[in-house]
Amino acid sequence: MRVTWLSHKGKKVLFLNYFGCKNAEEMIEVLHKEAETLRVQTSKVLVMADFSKFPFIKGSRPRTGQKLS
């Protein structure tokens, strides 16, 4: 599963697994699932993402700290 909840030191962490995404469509699919999950949360959420083995294309790297609308 690419979007899942983990527990670390008593805190919930939303884990986003982009590992091995082969193209932008797969990455966008994970991003949409993340957005769906975060929209129903009523408090702040810790998020951790794994971008290992993602074939970054120049200029396509995701921006960090961006608020989802």
N, C-alpha and C. Protein backbone atom coordinates (compact mmCIF):
# COMPACT_ATOMS: atom_id res chain seq x y z
N MET A 1 0.85 -1.18 0.00
CA MET A 1 0.00 0.00 0.00
C MET A 1 0.89 1.24 0.00
N ARG A 2 0.58 2.19 -0.83
CA ARG A 2 1.44 3.37 -0.98
C ARG A 2 1.18 4.46 0.04
N VAL A 3 0.00 4.50 0.64
CA VAL A 3 -0.32 5.48 1.69
C VAL A 3 -0.82 4.70 2.89
N THR A 4 -0.08 4.80 3.98
CA THR A 4 -0.44 4.01 5.15
C THR A 4 -0.05 4.75 6.43
N TRP A 5 -0.69 4.38 7.52
CA TRP A 5 -0.38 4.96 8.82
C TRP A 5 0.64 4.10 9.55
N LEU A 6 1.62 4.76 10.15
CA LEU A 6 2.61 4.10 11.00
C LEU A 6 2.51 4.71 12.38
N SER A 7 3.11 4.06 13.35
CA SER A 7 3.19 4.60 14.70
C SER A 7 4.65 4.68 15.09
N HIS A 8 5.06 5.84 15.63
CA HIS A 8 6.44 6.02 16.07
C HIS A 8 6.42 6.81 17.37
N LYS A 9 6.91 6.18 18.43
CA LYS A 9 6.97 6.81 19.75
C LYS A 9 5.61 7.37 20.15
N GLY A 10 4.57 6.60 19.88
CA GLY A 10 3.23 6.98 20.29
C GLY A 10 2.54 8.00 19.39
N LYS A 11 3.17 8.38 18.30
CA LYS A 11 2.57 9.35 17.38
C LYS A 11 2.23 8.67 16.06
N LYS A 12 1.11 9.10 15.47
CA LYS A 12 0.73 8.59 14.17
C LYS A 12 1.49 9.33 13.09
N VAL A 13 1.98 8.59 12.10
CA VAL A 13 2.72 9.17 10.98
C VAL A 13 2.12 8.64 9.70
N LEU A 14 1.77 9.55 8.79
CA LEU A 14 1.27 9.14 7.48
C LEU A 14 2.48 8.88 6.59
N PHE A 15 2.62 7.64 6.13
CA PHE A 15 3.76 7.25 5.31
C PHE A 15 3.34 7.18 3.85
N LEU A 16 4.05 7.92 3.01
CA LEU A 16 3.78 7.96 1.58
C LEU A 16 4.89 7.21 0.87
N ASN A 17 4.54 6.15 0.18
CA ASN A 17 5.53 5.31 -0.44
C ASN A 17 5.57 5.55 -1.95
N TYR A 18 6.46 6.44 -2.36
CA TYR A 18 6.67 6.72 -3.78
C TYR A 18 7.75 5.82 -4.35
N PHE A 19 8.28 4.91 -3.53
CA PHE A 19 9.38 4.02 -3.93
C PHE A 19 9.06 3.33 -5.24
N GLY A 20 9.92 3.52 -6.20
CA GLY A 20 9.78 2.80 -7.46
C GLY A 20 8.70 3.29 -8.39
N CYS A 21 8.07 4.45 -8.10
CA CYS A 21 7.09 4.98 -9.06
C CYS A 21 7.78 5.13 -10.40
N LYS A 22 7.16 4.64 -11.43
CA LYS A 22 7.79 4.61 -12.75
C LYS A 22 7.49 5.84 -13.60
N ASN A 23 6.43 6.57 -13.23
CA ASN A 23 6.08 7.74 -14.02
C ASN A 23 5.27 8.72 -13.18
N ALA A 24 5.00 9.87 -13.77
CA ALA A 24 4.29 10.93 -13.05
C ALA A 24 2.88 10.49 -12.66
N GLU A 25 2.23 9.67 -13.48
CA GLU A 25 0.87 9.24 -13.18
C GLU A 25 0.82 8.44 -11.88
N GLU A 26 1.79 7.56 -11.68
CA GLU A 26 1.84 6.78 -10.44
C GLU A 26 2.07 7.70 -9.24
N MET A 27 2.93 8.68 -9.41
CA MET A 27 3.21 9.61 -8.33
C MET A 27 1.97 10.46 -8.00
N ILE A 28 1.27 10.89 -9.02
CA ILE A 28 0.07 11.70 -8.82
C ILE A 28 -1.01 10.88 -8.13
N GLU A 29 -1.10 9.59 -8.44
CA GLU A 29 -2.06 8.71 -7.78
C GLU A 29 -1.81 8.67 -6.27
N VAL A 30 -0.54 8.55 -5.88
CA VAL A 30 -0.18 8.57 -4.45
C VAL A 30 -0.54 9.92 -3.85
N LEU A 31 -0.23 10.99 -4.55
CA LEU A 31 -0.51 12.34 -4.06
C LEU A 31 -2.00 12.56 -3.82
N HIS A 32 -2.83 12.07 -4.74
CA HIS A 32 -4.29 12.20 -4.56
C HIS A 32 -4.78 11.41 -3.35
N LYS A 33 -4.25 10.21 -3.15
CA LYS A 33 -4.63 9.41 -1.99
C LYS A 33 -4.19 10.11 -0.70
N GLU A 34 -3.00 10.73 -0.73
CA GLU A 34 -2.53 11.48 0.43
C GLU A 34 -3.50 12.62 0.74
N ALA A 35 -3.87 13.37 -0.29
CA ALA A 35 -4.79 14.50 -0.10
C ALA A 35 -6.12 14.04 0.48
N GLU A 36 -6.67 12.94 -0.03
CA GLU A 36 -7.93 12.39 0.50
C GLU A 36 -7.79 12.06 1.98
N THR A 37 -6.67 11.44 2.33
CA THR A 37 -6.43 11.03 3.72
C THR A 37 -6.29 12.25 4.63
N LEU A 38 -5.56 13.27 4.17
CA LEU A 38 -5.32 14.44 5.00
C LEU A 38 -6.55 15.31 5.17
N ARG A 39 -7.43 15.34 4.19
CA ARG A 39 -8.63 16.19 4.27
C ARG A 39 -9.54 15.80 5.43
N VAL A 40 -9.56 14.54 5.81
CA VAL A 40 -10.46 14.11 6.88
C VAL A 40 -9.83 14.21 8.27
N GLN A 41 -8.57 14.62 8.34
CA GLN A 41 -7.90 14.73 9.63
C GLN A 41 -8.32 16.04 10.31
N THR A 42 -8.50 15.99 11.61
CA THR A 42 -8.94 17.17 12.35
C THR A 42 -7.80 17.85 13.10
N SER A 43 -6.62 17.26 13.06
CA SER A 43 -5.47 17.86 13.74
C SER A 43 -4.24 17.76 12.83
N LYS A 44 -3.14 18.33 13.29
CA LYS A 44 -1.90 18.28 12.52
C LYS A 44 -1.45 16.84 12.35
N VAL A 45 -0.79 16.58 11.23
CA VAL A 45 -0.37 15.22 10.90
C VAL A 45 1.12 15.23 10.54
N LEU A 46 1.84 14.25 11.08
CA LEU A 46 3.23 14.04 10.67
C LEU A 46 3.22 13.22 9.40
N VAL A 47 4.03 13.63 8.42
CA VAL A 47 4.08 12.94 7.14
C VAL A 47 5.52 12.59 6.81
N MET A 48 5.72 11.36 6.36
CA MET A 48 7.04 10.91 5.93
C MET A 48 6.87 10.28 4.55
N ALA A 49 7.80 10.60 3.63
CA ALA A 49 7.70 10.08 2.27
C ALA A 49 9.01 9.43 1.84
N ASP A 50 8.88 8.36 1.06
CA ASP A 50 10.03 7.67 0.49
C ASP A 50 10.01 7.87 -1.02
N PHE A 51 11.00 8.63 -1.52
CA PHE A 51 11.11 8.89 -2.96
C PHE A 51 12.21 8.05 -3.59
N SER A 52 12.65 7.00 -2.90
CA SER A 52 13.72 6.16 -3.43
C SER A 52 13.34 5.56 -4.77
N LYS A 53 14.33 5.43 -5.63
CA LYS A 53 14.16 4.80 -6.94
C LYS A 53 13.12 5.48 -7.82
N PHE A 54 12.92 6.79 -7.62
CA PHE A 54 12.02 7.54 -8.49
C PHE A 54 12.86 8.23 -9.54
N PRO A 55 12.57 7.99 -10.80
CA PRO A 55 13.39 8.58 -11.87
C PRO A 55 13.05 10.06 -12.06
N PHE A 56 13.62 10.91 -11.21
CA PHE A 56 13.32 12.34 -11.30
C PHE A 56 13.70 12.89 -12.66
N ILE A 57 12.80 13.67 -13.17
CA ILE A 57 13.03 14.38 -14.42
C ILE A 57 13.33 15.81 -14.05
N LYS A 58 14.30 16.41 -14.70
CA LYS A 58 14.69 17.78 -14.38
C LYS A 58 13.47 18.68 -14.31
N GLY A 59 13.35 19.39 -13.18
CA GLY A 59 12.25 20.31 -12.99
C GLY A 59 10.98 19.68 -12.45
N SER A 60 10.99 18.37 -12.20
CA SER A 60 9.76 17.71 -11.75
C SER A 60 9.77 17.39 -10.26
N ARG A 61 10.86 17.73 -9.56
CA ARG A 61 10.95 17.40 -8.14
C ARG A 61 9.84 18.11 -7.37
N PRO A 62 9.12 17.39 -6.50
CA PRO A 62 8.03 18.00 -5.73
C PRO A 62 8.56 19.09 -4.80
N ARG A 63 7.77 20.11 -4.60
CA ARG A 63 8.13 21.17 -3.67
C ARG A 63 7.71 20.74 -2.27
N THR A 64 8.56 21.04 -1.28
CA THR A 64 8.23 20.69 0.09
C THR A 64 7.56 21.88 0.77
N GLY A 65 6.75 21.59 1.75
CA GLY A 65 6.10 22.65 2.51
C GLY A 65 4.95 23.32 1.79
N GLN A 66 4.48 22.77 0.71
CA GLN A 66 3.39 23.36 -0.03
C GLN A 66 2.07 22.88 0.56
N LYS A 67 1.14 23.81 0.74
CA LYS A 67 -0.16 23.47 1.29
C LYS A 67 -1.06 22.94 0.17
N LEU A 68 -1.74 21.81 0.46
CA LEU A 68 -2.69 21.25 -0.51
C LEU A 68 -4.01 22.00 -0.37
N SER A 69 -4.64 22.29 -1.48
CA SER A 69 -5.93 22.97 -1.41
C SER A 69 -7.06 21.99 -1.66
